[in-house]
């Protein structure tokens, strides 16, 4: 059985999720979605994964907080762009 503790501690779990997000971006772009829509849709999740990866590998707190903080305004931009802000 693989050592899952080492898999997570190395940050590779977050890398795997980032790779899936990149594949999803390619699929959405090839399906004809505008690049700005794809970016605003996936970037908040990618930012959170970068923060998670920083936390898993023991980075200092600014490297964890910065991508987590950046995910919120990008998420708000996505909500506003979709017209779901009421």
N, C-alpha and C. Protein backbone atom coordinates (compact mmCIF):
# COMPACT_ATOMS: atom_id res chain seq x y z
N UNK A 1 0.85 -1.18 0.00
CA UNK A 1 0.00 0.00 0.00
C UNK A 1 0.89 1.24 0.00
N UNK A 2 0.55 2.22 -0.83
CA UNK A 2 1.38 3.43 -0.89
C UNK A 2 1.33 4.21 0.42
N UNK A 3 2.39 4.94 0.66
CA UNK A 3 2.48 5.75 1.87
C UNK A 3 1.75 7.07 1.63
N UNK A 4 0.47 7.12 2.00
CA UNK A 4 -0.33 8.32 1.76
C UNK A 4 0.11 9.50 2.61
N UNK A 5 0.64 9.22 3.78
CA UNK A 5 1.12 10.32 4.63
C UNK A 5 2.25 11.06 3.92
N UNK A 6 3.17 10.32 3.31
CA UNK A 6 4.27 10.95 2.57
C UNK A 6 3.76 11.67 1.32
N UNK A 7 2.75 11.09 0.68
CA UNK A 7 2.15 11.70 -0.51
C UNK A 7 1.58 13.08 -0.17
N UNK A 8 0.89 13.19 0.94
CA UNK A 8 0.33 14.48 1.35
C UNK A 8 1.40 15.41 1.90
N UNK A 9 2.31 14.88 2.70
CA UNK A 9 3.35 15.72 3.31
C UNK A 9 4.27 16.34 2.26
N UNK A 10 4.43 15.68 1.13
CA UNK A 10 5.29 16.21 0.07
C UNK A 10 4.60 17.28 -0.77
N UNK A 11 3.28 17.42 -0.59
CA UNK A 11 2.53 18.39 -1.38
C UNK A 11 2.04 17.83 -2.70
N UNK A 12 2.35 16.57 -2.98
CA UNK A 12 1.96 15.98 -4.27
C UNK A 12 0.45 15.82 -4.41
N UNK A 13 -0.27 15.74 -3.29
CA UNK A 13 -1.73 15.67 -3.37
C UNK A 13 -2.28 16.95 -3.99
N UNK A 14 -1.76 18.09 -3.56
CA UNK A 14 -2.19 19.37 -4.14
C UNK A 14 -1.73 19.47 -5.59
N UNK A 15 -0.54 18.96 -5.89
CA UNK A 15 -0.06 18.96 -7.28
C UNK A 15 -1.01 18.17 -8.18
N UNK A 16 -1.51 17.06 -7.68
CA UNK A 16 -2.44 16.24 -8.46
C UNK A 16 -3.72 17.01 -8.75
N UNK A 17 -4.25 17.71 -7.77
CA UNK A 17 -5.45 18.51 -7.97
C UNK A 17 -5.18 19.64 -8.96
N UNK A 18 -4.02 20.27 -8.86
CA UNK A 18 -3.66 21.33 -9.81
C UNK A 18 -3.57 20.78 -11.24
N UNK A 19 -3.06 19.57 -11.39
CA UNK A 19 -2.99 18.95 -12.71
C UNK A 19 -4.39 18.68 -13.26
N UNK A 20 -5.29 18.23 -12.41
CA UNK A 20 -6.67 18.00 -12.84
C UNK A 20 -7.33 19.32 -13.25
N UNK A 21 -7.06 20.38 -12.50
CA UNK A 21 -7.59 21.69 -12.87
C UNK A 21 -7.05 22.16 -14.22
N UNK A 22 -5.78 21.89 -14.48
CA UNK A 22 -5.19 22.26 -15.77
C UNK A 22 -5.84 21.48 -16.91
N UNK A 23 -6.07 20.20 -16.70
CA UNK A 23 -6.75 19.38 -17.71
C UNK A 23 -8.17 19.89 -17.94
N UNK A 24 -8.85 20.23 -16.86
CA UNK A 24 -10.20 20.78 -16.98
C UNK A 24 -10.19 22.08 -17.77
N UNK A 25 -9.19 22.92 -17.55
CA UNK A 25 -9.09 24.18 -18.29
C UNK A 25 -8.93 23.92 -19.78
N UNK A 26 -8.08 22.96 -20.13
CA UNK A 26 -7.88 22.64 -21.55
C UNK A 26 -9.18 22.13 -22.17
N UNK A 27 -9.89 21.28 -21.46
CA UNK A 27 -11.16 20.74 -21.97
C UNK A 27 -12.17 21.85 -22.18
N UNK A 28 -12.28 22.75 -21.20
CA UNK A 28 -13.24 23.85 -21.32
C UNK A 28 -12.87 24.80 -22.46
N UNK A 29 -11.59 25.08 -22.62
CA UNK A 29 -11.16 25.96 -23.70
C UNK A 29 -11.41 25.33 -25.06
N UNK A 30 -11.15 24.05 -25.18
CA UNK A 30 -11.42 23.35 -26.45
C UNK A 30 -12.90 23.24 -26.74
N UNK A 31 -13.71 23.29 -25.70
CA UNK A 31 -15.16 23.24 -25.88
C UNK A 31 -15.72 24.60 -26.28
N UNK A 32 -14.86 25.61 -26.34
CA UNK A 32 -15.30 26.91 -26.80
C UNK A 32 -15.62 27.92 -25.72
N UNK A 33 -15.35 27.60 -24.47
CA UNK A 33 -15.60 28.57 -23.40
C UNK A 33 -14.58 29.68 -23.50
N UNK A 34 -14.99 30.92 -23.30
CA UNK A 34 -14.03 32.04 -23.34
C UNK A 34 -12.96 31.87 -22.26
N UNK A 35 -11.74 32.27 -22.60
CA UNK A 35 -10.62 32.10 -21.68
C UNK A 35 -10.84 32.82 -20.36
N UNK A 36 -11.44 33.99 -20.39
CA UNK A 36 -11.67 34.74 -19.15
C UNK A 36 -12.64 33.98 -18.24
N UNK A 37 -13.65 33.34 -18.83
CA UNK A 37 -14.59 32.56 -18.03
C UNK A 37 -13.90 31.36 -17.39
N UNK A 38 -13.06 30.69 -18.17
CA UNK A 38 -12.34 29.52 -17.64
C UNK A 38 -11.40 29.96 -16.52
N UNK A 39 -10.70 31.05 -16.73
CA UNK A 39 -9.76 31.53 -15.71
C UNK A 39 -10.49 31.90 -14.42
N UNK A 40 -11.58 32.64 -14.54
CA UNK A 40 -12.30 33.05 -13.34
C UNK A 40 -12.98 31.87 -12.65
N UNK A 41 -13.31 30.86 -13.41
CA UNK A 41 -13.94 29.66 -12.84
C UNK A 41 -12.93 28.83 -12.05
N UNK A 42 -11.74 28.64 -12.60
CA UNK A 42 -10.78 27.71 -12.01
C UNK A 42 -9.71 28.35 -11.13
N UNK A 43 -9.45 29.62 -11.32
CA UNK A 43 -8.37 30.27 -10.58
C UNK A 43 -8.58 30.28 -9.06
N UNK A 44 -9.79 30.50 -8.54
CA UNK A 44 -9.92 30.45 -7.08
C UNK A 44 -9.53 29.09 -6.50
N UNK A 45 -9.94 28.02 -7.16
CA UNK A 45 -9.56 26.68 -6.69
C UNK A 45 -8.07 26.45 -6.79
N UNK A 46 -7.46 26.93 -7.86
CA UNK A 46 -6.02 26.79 -8.02
C UNK A 46 -5.28 27.56 -6.92
N UNK A 47 -5.76 28.75 -6.60
CA UNK A 47 -5.14 29.53 -5.52
C UNK A 47 -5.24 28.79 -4.19
N UNK A 48 -6.40 28.21 -3.91
CA UNK A 48 -6.56 27.47 -2.66
C UNK A 48 -5.64 26.25 -2.62
N UNK A 49 -5.47 25.59 -3.77
CA UNK A 49 -4.57 24.44 -3.82
C UNK A 49 -3.12 24.87 -3.60
N UNK A 50 -2.74 26.04 -4.11
CA UNK A 50 -1.38 26.53 -3.86
C UNK A 50 -1.17 26.83 -2.38
N UNK A 51 -2.19 27.39 -1.73
CA UNK A 51 -2.12 27.62 -0.29
C UNK A 51 -2.04 26.32 0.48
N UNK A 52 -2.82 25.34 0.06
CA UNK A 52 -2.77 24.02 0.70
C UNK A 52 -1.40 23.40 0.54
N UNK A 53 -0.86 23.48 -0.67
CA UNK A 53 0.47 22.91 -0.92
C UNK A 53 1.52 23.58 -0.03
N UNK A 54 1.44 24.90 0.07
CA UNK A 54 2.38 25.61 0.92
C UNK A 54 2.27 25.15 2.37
N UNK A 55 1.05 24.93 2.83
CA UNK A 55 0.85 24.48 4.21
C UNK A 55 1.38 23.05 4.40
N UNK A 56 1.14 22.20 3.42
CA UNK A 56 1.56 20.80 3.54
C UNK A 56 3.09 20.65 3.59
N UNK A 57 3.78 21.51 2.86
CA UNK A 57 5.25 21.39 2.83
C UNK A 57 5.94 22.23 3.90
N UNK A 58 5.14 22.91 4.73
CA UNK A 58 5.71 23.64 5.87
C UNK A 58 6.23 25.02 5.55
N UNK A 59 5.66 25.66 4.53
CA UNK A 59 6.09 27.02 4.21
C UNK A 59 5.67 27.99 5.30
N UNK A 60 6.28 29.15 5.32
CA UNK A 60 5.91 30.16 6.31
C UNK A 60 4.51 30.71 6.00
N UNK A 61 3.91 31.31 7.00
CA UNK A 61 2.51 31.70 6.89
C UNK A 61 2.19 32.64 5.74
N UNK A 62 3.06 33.59 5.35
CA UNK A 62 2.68 34.45 4.22
C UNK A 62 2.47 33.67 2.91
N UNK A 63 3.27 32.61 2.72
CA UNK A 63 3.12 31.81 1.50
C UNK A 63 1.84 30.98 1.52
N UNK A 64 1.29 30.77 2.69
CA UNK A 64 0.00 30.08 2.81
C UNK A 64 -1.14 31.09 2.65
N UNK A 65 -1.00 32.23 3.33
CA UNK A 65 -2.08 33.22 3.35
C UNK A 65 -2.27 33.94 2.01
N UNK A 66 -1.19 34.21 1.31
CA UNK A 66 -1.29 34.98 0.07
C UNK A 66 -2.18 34.33 -0.98
N UNK A 67 -1.97 33.07 -1.35
CA UNK A 67 -2.86 32.49 -2.34
C UNK A 67 -4.29 32.29 -1.82
N UNK A 68 -4.42 32.02 -0.53
CA UNK A 68 -5.78 31.89 0.02
C UNK A 68 -6.51 33.23 -0.05
N UNK A 69 -5.82 34.31 0.29
CA UNK A 69 -6.43 35.64 0.22
C UNK A 69 -6.74 36.03 -1.22
N UNK A 70 -5.88 35.64 -2.15
CA UNK A 70 -6.09 35.97 -3.56
C UNK A 70 -7.29 35.24 -4.16
N UNK A 71 -7.63 34.10 -3.61
CA UNK A 71 -8.74 33.33 -4.18
C UNK A 71 -10.09 34.05 -4.01
N UNK A 72 -10.24 34.80 -2.94
CA UNK A 72 -11.54 35.44 -2.68
C UNK A 72 -11.90 36.52 -3.70
N UNK A 73 -11.02 37.50 -3.99
CA UNK A 73 -11.42 38.50 -4.99
C UNK A 73 -11.63 37.90 -6.38
N UNK A 74 -10.87 36.87 -6.71
CA UNK A 74 -11.09 36.22 -8.01
C UNK A 74 -12.44 35.53 -8.03
N UNK A 75 -12.81 34.90 -6.93
CA UNK A 75 -14.13 34.27 -6.83
C UNK A 75 -15.24 35.33 -6.96
N UNK A 76 -15.06 36.47 -6.29
CA UNK A 76 -16.06 37.54 -6.40
C UNK A 76 -16.15 38.05 -7.84
N UNK A 77 -15.03 38.16 -8.52
CA UNK A 77 -15.05 38.59 -9.93
C UNK A 77 -15.82 37.60 -10.78
N UNK A 78 -15.67 36.32 -10.51
CA UNK A 78 -16.42 35.29 -11.24
C UNK A 78 -17.92 35.42 -10.97
N UNK A 79 -18.27 35.63 -9.72
CA UNK A 79 -19.70 35.77 -9.36
C UNK A 79 -20.30 36.99 -10.06
N UNK A 80 -19.58 38.11 -10.04
CA UNK A 80 -20.07 39.33 -10.68
C UNK A 80 -20.18 39.13 -12.19
N UNK A 81 -19.16 38.53 -12.80
CA UNK A 81 -19.18 38.31 -14.24
C UNK A 81 -20.35 37.43 -14.67
N UNK A 82 -20.68 36.46 -13.87
CA UNK A 82 -21.80 35.58 -14.19
C UNK A 82 -23.16 36.23 -13.94
N UNK A 83 -23.14 37.37 -13.27
CA UNK A 83 -24.40 38.07 -13.00
C UNK A 83 -25.19 37.47 -11.87
N UNK A 84 -24.52 36.75 -10.98
CA UNK A 84 -25.22 36.11 -9.87
C UNK A 84 -25.16 36.94 -8.60
N UNK A 85 -24.62 38.13 -8.70
CA UNK A 85 -24.54 39.01 -7.53
C UNK A 85 -25.81 39.83 -7.47
N UNK A 86 -26.58 39.67 -6.44
CA UNK A 86 -27.86 40.39 -6.33
C UNK A 86 -27.96 41.06 -5.00
